Structures are given as C-alpha cells and as structure tokens.
Amino acid sequence: MTFASATESIIITADKDNTGLIFIGKSNVTNAGANAFAPLNASEALIIEFDDVSNGIYAVSDTASQNVWKGALL
C-alpha cells in the first residue's frame, strides 16, 4: 500500500471478517510470514510511524480473499 502524500504515522486494520493472518512488511514479506514485522488477526490494528512515501508497505495473507484498511495521520 502506498500513500499519495507525506504522512507522520499510518494505521492498518485487518477486516473483522478475515479468517486468516495478515502479514505486514516490506516488499519481501511472504504469505508464510517470513520478513514480516507484524502479523494481524481479524479486527487487529497496527499504528506505525511512517513518513517515507517513496517506499510502500506490503500486506499479504496466508488465506485468499482477506481485506485490510489503511489510514494516515498527515
């Protein structure tokens, strides 16, 4: 996921209906959780300081058809 403008921090929330884990990381994160800096279960949220719009944050899951929501503090 990317952001169109500079941010101070971001929030990533796993959808309440998810049945699998969501792994948050850089471009090398895998659906088995390798290289993840955080796993999220359904309804869990992660708030991180993030101010580098030139690099994306990646969310992958160990289960198909999972959803995440993102927001930013500008």
Protein backbone atom coordinates (compact mmCIF):
# COMPACT_ATOMS: atom_id res chain seq x y z
CA MET A 1 0.00 0.00 0.00
CA THR A 2 1.18 3.49 -0.73
CA PHE A 3 0.17 6.99 0.30
CA ALA A 4 -0.17 9.97 -2.02
CA SER A 5 1.41 12.50 0.31
CA ALA A 6 3.76 12.59 3.29
CA THR A 7 2.45 11.06 6.49
CA GLU A 8 3.50 11.07 10.13
CA SER A 9 2.01 7.71 11.01
CA ILE A 10 -0.32 5.15 9.49
CA ILE A 11 -2.91 2.72 10.79
CA ILE A 12 -3.51 -0.66 9.17
CA THR A 13 -6.53 -2.67 10.30
CA ALA A 14 -7.40 -6.25 9.40
CA ASP A 15 -11.05 -6.64 8.40
CA LYS A 16 -13.31 -8.08 11.09
CA ASP A 17 -14.44 -10.88 8.75
CA ASN A 18 -10.94 -12.14 7.89
CA THR A 19 -10.26 -15.79 8.66
CA GLY A 20 -6.50 -15.78 8.06
CA LEU A 21 -3.48 -13.83 9.21
CA ILE A 22 -2.33 -10.64 7.50
CA PHE A 23 1.44 -10.13 7.47
CA ILE A 24 2.71 -6.54 7.26
CA GLY A 25 6.20 -5.84 5.96
CA LYS A 26 8.39 -4.53 3.17
CA SER A 27 8.41 -5.85 -0.39
CA ASN A 28 9.98 -9.16 0.69
CA VAL A 29 7.21 -10.19 3.13
CA THR A 30 5.74 -13.62 2.32
CA ASN A 31 2.35 -15.23 2.87
CA ALA A 32 4.02 -17.57 5.37
CA GLY A 33 5.07 -14.57 7.46
CA ALA A 34 8.76 -14.50 6.57
CA ASN A 35 10.20 -10.97 6.81
CA ALA A 36 7.01 -9.60 8.37
CA PHE A 37 7.32 -7.01 11.08
CA ALA A 38 3.76 -7.62 12.31
CA PRO A 39 1.01 -10.24 11.95
CA LEU A 40 -2.62 -9.13 12.26
CA ASN A 41 -5.63 -11.28 13.15
CA ALA A 42 -9.18 -10.19 12.28
CA SER A 43 -10.04 -6.76 13.74
CA GLU A 44 -6.49 -6.10 14.94
CA ALA A 45 -4.81 -2.81 14.08
CA LEU A 46 -1.24 -1.61 13.82
CA ILE A 47 -0.17 2.02 14.11
CA ILE A 48 3.36 2.80 12.95
CA GLU A 49 5.41 5.92 12.33
CA PHE A 50 5.78 6.13 8.57
CA ASP A 51 6.97 9.16 6.64
CA ASP A 52 8.54 7.67 3.53
CA VAL A 53 6.10 7.84 0.63
CA SER A 54 8.79 6.54 -1.75
CA ASN A 55 8.58 3.07 -0.17
CA GLY A 56 5.44 1.01 0.13
CA ILE A 57 4.17 -1.09 3.00
CA TYR A 58 3.00 -4.55 1.96
CA ALA A 59 0.19 -6.68 3.37
CA VAL A 60 -0.07 -10.35 2.40
CA SER A 61 -2.15 -13.15 3.84
CA ASP A 62 -1.89 -16.87 4.38
CA THR A 63 -5.53 -17.15 3.20
CA ALA A 64 -7.18 -15.92 -0.02
CA SER A 65 -9.65 -13.02 -0.15
CA GLN A 66 -8.65 -11.19 3.04
CA ASN A 67 -9.03 -7.42 3.44
CA VAL A 68 -7.12 -4.63 5.18
CA TRP A 69 -7.95 -0.98 5.69
CA LYS A 70 -5.43 1.85 5.83
CA GLY A 71 -5.41 5.39 7.11
CA ALA A 72 -2.86 8.14 7.64
CA LEU A 73 -2.16 10.99 10.02
CA LEU A 74 -0.84 13.78 7.83
